[in-house]
Amino acid sequence: MPLRGHVEHGVVVLDEAVSLPEGSLVHVEPVDAEEEMESLRRGLRMLAGSVKNLPPDMAARHDFYLHGARE
């Protein structure tokens, strides 16, 4: 069960509250933010063009189609 967190004043703080038994062994490994962003970019590129039959102006008017936003 991987958990995400960040470092505050030299201490690892988990992003979500979790109850671990006292004395639990944990593995902490720093994440390379640039590597993680590149992984996200690759995943999004794989999805690009995968949805068919969208309106031709979907990119320009996505708020209108998704949320009914007025123009």
Protein backbone atom coordinates (compact mmCIF):
# COMPACT_ATOMS: atom_id res chain seq x y z
CA MET A 1 0.00 0.00 0.00
CA PRO A 2 2.04 2.98 -1.25
CA LEU A 3 1.43 6.21 0.63
CA ARG A 4 2.25 9.71 -0.59
CA GLY A 5 3.65 12.49 1.53
CA HIS A 6 6.08 15.37 1.66
CA VAL A 7 8.86 16.67 3.88
CA GLU A 8 8.15 19.49 6.33
CA HIS A 9 11.00 20.80 8.45
CA GLY A 10 12.96 17.60 7.85
CA VAL A 11 10.11 15.25 8.81
CA VAL A 12 8.10 13.06 6.42
CA VAL A 13 4.40 13.97 6.66
CA LEU A 14 1.84 11.72 4.98
CA ASP A 15 -0.73 13.45 2.77
CA GLU A 16 -3.59 11.35 4.17
CA ALA A 17 -4.10 10.19 7.74
CA VAL A 18 -3.33 6.50 8.09
CA SER A 19 -3.17 4.31 11.17
CA LEU A 20 -0.10 2.09 11.23
CA PRO A 21 0.75 -0.17 14.18
CA GLU A 22 3.46 1.19 16.48
CA GLY A 23 6.87 -0.05 15.36
CA SER A 24 5.79 -0.66 11.75
CA LEU A 25 8.67 -0.73 9.33
CA VAL A 26 8.28 1.63 6.39
CA HIS A 27 10.17 2.29 3.18
CA VAL A 28 10.69 5.95 2.25
CA GLU A 29 11.95 6.77 -1.22
CA PRO A 30 12.25 10.30 -2.62
CA VAL A 31 10.35 10.91 -5.86
CA ASP A 32 11.96 12.75 -8.75
CA ALA A 33 9.25 15.31 -9.58
CA GLU A 34 10.50 15.79 -13.15
CA GLU A 35 10.49 12.03 -13.76
CA GLU A 36 6.98 11.76 -12.33
CA MET A 37 5.74 14.60 -14.58
CA GLU A 38 7.29 12.96 -17.64
CA SER A 39 5.53 9.70 -16.74
CA LEU A 40 2.24 11.62 -16.54
CA ARG A 41 2.93 13.28 -19.90
CA ARG A 42 3.58 9.89 -21.52
CA GLY A 43 0.32 8.53 -20.13
CA LEU A 44 -1.66 11.52 -21.35
CA ARG A 45 -0.07 11.28 -24.82
CA MET A 46 -1.23 7.66 -25.01
CA LEU A 47 -4.81 8.85 -24.39
CA ALA A 48 -4.68 11.67 -26.92
CA GLY A 49 -7.12 11.05 -29.76
CA SER A 50 -8.65 7.99 -28.10
CA VAL A 51 -12.14 9.49 -27.66
CA LYS A 52 -14.15 9.45 -30.88
CA ASN A 53 -17.14 11.47 -32.10
CA LEU A 54 -16.48 14.65 -30.12
CA PRO A 55 -17.78 17.98 -31.40
CA PRO A 56 -15.26 19.64 -33.75
CA ASP A 57 -14.92 22.64 -31.40
CA MET A 58 -14.49 20.56 -28.21
CA ALA A 59 -11.02 21.95 -27.44
CA ALA A 60 -12.14 25.57 -27.68
CA ARG A 61 -15.50 25.08 -25.91
CA HIS A 62 -14.77 22.31 -23.40
CA ASP A 63 -16.24 24.28 -20.45
CA PHE A 64 -19.51 24.63 -22.33
CA TYR A 65 -19.70 20.89 -23.13
CA LEU A 66 -18.53 19.67 -19.72
CA HIS A 67 -20.25 22.14 -17.39
CA GLY A 68 -22.81 24.01 -19.47
CA ALA A 69 -20.83 27.22 -18.97
CA ARG A 70 -22.19 30.19 -20.83
CA GLU A 71 -20.09 31.86 -23.43
